[in-house]
Amino acid sequence: MEVNGYTIEARADLTDADLSFADLTDADLSFADLTDADLSFADLTDADLSFADLTDASLISATLTGATLFGTTLSGAILYGADLTRANLEGANFEGADLEDTTLKGATMPDGTIHE
């Protein structure tokens, strides 16, 4: 897995995993490979997804309130209807991600600003 130009070994390989509707509150998924994973309707409240790879993952209507997504790759991810209230998205890559109807109130944006 490549993170910010560095090749690192993923802490957990959850590529293509079906975690839809899972309760992952407070989970430590930092440095996990969640490429193409289905996290639709999952509860990731206060989860740590720092430097995780969520390329092309489905996060439809997922709850990520207070989650840490520092340096996370979300390229091509589907976040339709996801709740990212107060999430830390600093340094995250959302290139090509679907953010339609996503809630970002109070989230720290990739550039470090706070979304209102």
C-alpha atoms as a PDB file:
ATOM      1  CA  MET A   1       0.000   0.000   0.000  1.00  0.00           C
ATOM      2  CA  GLU A   2       1.337   3.454  -0.885  1.00  0.00           C
ATOM      3  CA  VAL A   3       0.688   6.386   1.447  1.00  0.00           C
ATOM      4  CA  ASN A   4       1.912   9.866   0.556  1.00  0.00           C
ATOM      5  CA  GLY A   5       4.607   8.416  -1.678  1.00  0.00           C
ATOM      6  CA  TYR A   6       5.799   5.823   0.848  1.00  0.00           C
ATOM      7  CA  THR A   7       5.205   2.099   0.495  1.00  0.00           C
ATOM      8  CA  ILE A   8       3.988   0.597   3.755  1.00  0.00           C
ATOM      9  CA  GLU A   9       2.512  -2.723   4.744  1.00  0.00           C
ATOM     10  CA  ALA A  10      -1.177  -2.512   5.602  1.00  0.00           C
ATOM     11  CA  ARG A  11      -2.001  -3.339   9.214  1.00  0.00           C
ATOM     12  CA  ALA A  12      -5.112  -5.177   8.029  1.00  0.00           C
ATOM     13  CA  ASP A  13      -6.032  -6.290   4.521  1.00  0.00           C
ATOM     14  CA  LEU A  14      -9.784  -5.834   4.223  1.00  0.00           C
ATOM     15  CA  THR A  15      -9.831  -5.466   0.452  1.00  0.00           C
ATOM     16  CA  ASP A  16     -13.327  -6.221  -0.913  1.00  0.00           C
ATOM     17  CA  ALA A  17     -14.640  -6.886   2.617  1.00  0.00           C
ATOM     18  CA  ASP A  18     -18.395  -6.610   3.215  1.00  0.00           C
ATOM     19  CA  LEU A  19     -18.668  -4.551   6.391  1.00  0.00           C
ATOM     20  CA  SER A  20     -22.041  -3.036   5.549  1.00  0.00           C
ATOM     21  CA  PHE A  21     -24.151  -2.282   8.632  1.00  0.00           C
ATOM     22  CA  ALA A  22     -21.193  -3.181  10.916  1.00  0.00           C
ATOM     23  CA  ASP A  23     -20.747  -1.429  14.258  1.00  0.00           C
ATOM     24  CA  LEU A  24     -17.139  -0.247  14.104  1.00  0.00           C
ATOM     25  CA  THR A  25     -17.469   2.474  16.728  1.00  0.00           C
ATOM     26  CA  ASP A  26     -14.019   3.412  18.107  1.00  0.00           C
ATOM     27  CA  ALA A  27     -12.329   0.838  15.826  1.00  0.00           C
ATOM     28  CA  ASP A  28      -8.641   1.280  15.000  1.00  0.00           C
ATOM     29  CA  LEU A  29      -8.444   0.789  11.240  1.00  0.00           C
ATOM     30  CA  SER A  30      -5.408   3.009  10.775  1.00  0.00           C
ATOM     31  CA  PHE A  31      -3.205   1.906   7.858  1.00  0.00           C
ATOM     32  CA  ALA A  32      -5.837  -0.695   6.841  1.00  0.00           C
ATOM     33  CA  ASP A  33      -6.362  -1.563   3.190  1.00  0.00           C
ATOM     34  CA  LEU A  34     -10.105  -1.183   2.615  1.00  0.00           C
ATOM     35  CA  THR A  35      -9.906  -0.884  -1.160  1.00  0.00           C
ATOM     36  CA  ASP A  36     -13.289  -1.732  -2.731  1.00  0.00           C
ATOM     37  CA  ALA A  37     -14.736  -2.533   0.724  1.00  0.00           C
ATOM     38  CA  ASP A  38     -18.465  -2.116   1.372  1.00  0.00           C
ATOM     39  CA  LEU A  39     -18.954   0.009   4.493  1.00  0.00           C
ATOM     40  CA  SER A  40     -22.471   1.147   3.548  1.00  0.00           C
ATOM     41  CA  PHE A  41     -24.550   2.054   6.603  1.00  0.00           C
ATOM     42  CA  ALA A  42     -21.616   1.129   8.896  1.00  0.00           C
ATOM     43  CA  ASP A  43     -21.186   2.993  12.190  1.00  0.00           C
ATOM     44  CA  LEU A  44     -17.615   4.309  12.278  1.00  0.00           C
ATOM     45  CA  THR A  45     -18.232   6.901  14.993  1.00  0.00           C
ATOM     46  CA  ASP A  46     -14.896   7.992  16.494  1.00  0.00           C
ATOM     47  CA  ALA A  47     -13.042   5.328  14.454  1.00  0.00           C
ATOM     48  CA  ASP A  48      -9.385   5.858  13.528  1.00  0.00           C
ATOM     49  CA  LEU A  49      -8.944   5.487   9.762  1.00  0.00           C
ATOM     50  CA  SER A  50      -5.676   7.427   9.606  1.00  0.00           C
ATOM     51  CA  PHE A  51      -3.707   6.618   6.447  1.00  0.00           C
ATOM     52  CA  ALA A  52      -6.208   3.887   5.503  1.00  0.00           C
ATOM     53  CA  ASP A  53      -6.776   3.151   1.827  1.00  0.00           C
ATOM     54  CA  LEU A  54     -10.478   3.450   1.007  1.00  0.00           C
ATOM     55  CA  THR A  55     -10.016   3.690  -2.760  1.00  0.00           C
ATOM     56  CA  ASP A  56     -13.311   2.883  -4.511  1.00  0.00           C
ATOM     57  CA  ALA A  57     -14.920   1.902  -1.182  1.00  0.00           C
ATOM     58  CA  SER A  58     -18.662   2.285  -0.635  1.00  0.00           C
ATOM     59  CA  LEU A  59     -19.505   4.407   2.408  1.00  0.00           C
ATOM     60  CA  ILE A  60     -23.120   5.094   1.456  1.00  0.00           C
ATOM     61  CA  SER A  61     -24.971   6.519   4.493  1.00  0.00           C
ATOM     62  CA  ALA A  62     -22.074   5.529   6.783  1.00  0.00           C
ATOM     63  CA  THR A  63     -21.722   7.346  10.102  1.00  0.00           C
ATOM     64  CA  LEU A  64     -18.213   8.768  10.514  1.00  0.00           C
ATOM     65  CA  THR A  65     -19.018  11.318  13.222  1.00  0.00           C
ATOM     66  CA  GLY A  66     -15.789  12.310  14.979  1.00  0.00           C
ATOM     67  CA  ALA A  67     -13.770   9.811  12.941  1.00  0.00           C
ATOM     68  CA  THR A  68     -10.108  10.436  12.142  1.00  0.00           C
ATOM     69  CA  LEU A  69      -9.341  10.185   8.434  1.00  0.00           C
ATOM     70  CA  PHE A  70      -5.992  11.981   8.592  1.00  0.00           C
ATOM     71  CA  GLY A  71      -4.059  11.220   5.393  1.00  0.00           C
ATOM     72  CA  THR A  72      -6.694   8.711   4.264  1.00  0.00           C
ATOM     73  CA  THR A  73      -7.087   7.877   0.569  1.00  0.00           C
ATOM     74  CA  LEU A  74     -10.734   8.089  -0.530  1.00  0.00           C
ATOM     75  CA  SER A  75     -10.143   8.291  -4.285  1.00  0.00           C
ATOM     76  CA  GLY A  76     -13.262   7.163  -6.107  1.00  0.00           C
ATOM     77  CA  ALA A  77     -15.046   6.357  -2.830  1.00  0.00           C
ATOM     78  CA  ILE A  78     -18.827   6.685  -2.685  1.00  0.00           C
ATOM     79  CA  LEU A  79     -19.764   8.758   0.378  1.00  0.00           C
ATOM     80  CA  TYR A  80     -23.338   9.511  -0.715  1.00  0.00           C
ATOM     81  CA  GLY A  81     -25.318  10.471   2.390  1.00  0.00           C
ATOM     82  CA  ALA A  82     -22.399   9.822   4.773  1.00  0.00           C
ATOM     83  CA  ASP A  83     -22.197  11.772   8.045  1.00  0.00           C
ATOM     84  CA  LEU A  84     -18.710  13.248   8.532  1.00  0.00           C
ATOM     85  CA  THR A  85     -19.731  15.677  11.284  1.00  0.00           C
ATOM     86  CA  ARG A  86     -16.627  16.757  13.260  1.00  0.00           C
ATOM     87  CA  ALA A  87     -14.441  14.252  11.364  1.00  0.00           C
ATOM     88  CA  ASN A  88     -10.746  15.016  10.873  1.00  0.00           C
ATOM     89  CA  LEU A  89     -10.152  14.910   7.104  1.00  0.00           C
ATOM     90  CA  GLU A  90      -6.841  16.765   7.163  1.00  0.00           C
ATOM     91  CA  GLY A  91      -4.553  15.576   4.381  1.00  0.00           C
ATOM     92  CA  ALA A  92      -7.215  13.167   3.030  1.00  0.00           C
ATOM     93  CA  ASN A  93      -7.439  12.563  -0.722  1.00  0.00           C
ATOM     94  CA  PHE A  94     -11.013  12.775  -2.076  1.00  0.00           C
ATOM     95  CA  GLU A  95     -10.090  12.848  -5.784  1.00  0.00           C
ATOM     96  CA  GLY A  96     -13.064  11.510  -7.748  1.00  0.00           C
ATOM     97  CA  ALA A  97     -15.076  10.725  -4.591  1.00  0.00           C
ATOM     98  CA  ASP A  98     -18.882  11.083  -4.589  1.00  0.00           C
ATOM     99  CA  LEU A  99     -19.692  13.501  -1.746  1.00  0.00           C
ATOM    100  CA  GLU A 100     -23.335  14.143  -2.691  1.00  0.00           C
ATOM    101  CA  ASP A 101     -25.572  14.750   0.360  1.00  0.00           C
ATOM    102  CA  THR A 102     -22.579  14.290   2.684  1.00  0.00           C
ATOM    103  CA  THR A 103     -22.741  16.077   6.051  1.00  0.00           C
ATOM    104  CA  LEU A 104     -19.483  17.896   6.864  1.00  0.00           C
ATOM    105  CA  LYS A 105     -20.548  20.221   9.705  1.00  0.00           C
ATOM    106  CA  GLY A 106     -17.569  20.995  11.927  1.00  0.00           C
ATOM    107  CA  ALA A 107     -15.257  18.688   9.962  1.00  0.00           C
ATOM    108  CA  THR A 108     -11.596  19.567   9.580  1.00  0.00           C
ATOM    109  CA  MET A 109     -11.151  19.688   5.821  1.00  0.00           C
ATOM    110  CA  PRO A 110      -8.099  18.361   3.910  1.00  0.00           C
ATOM    111  CA  ASP A 111      -6.562  21.851   3.871  1.00  0.00           C
ATOM    112  CA  GLY A 112      -6.994  22.242   7.660  1.00  0.00           C
ATOM    113  CA  THR A 113      -9.994  24.598   7.574  1.00  0.00           C
ATOM    114  CA  ILE A 114     -13.130  23.851   9.601  1.00  0.00           C
ATOM    115  CA  HIS A 115     -16.308  23.328   7.539  1.00  0.00           C
ATOM    116  CA  GLU A 116     -19.298  25.290   8.798  1.00  0.00           C
END
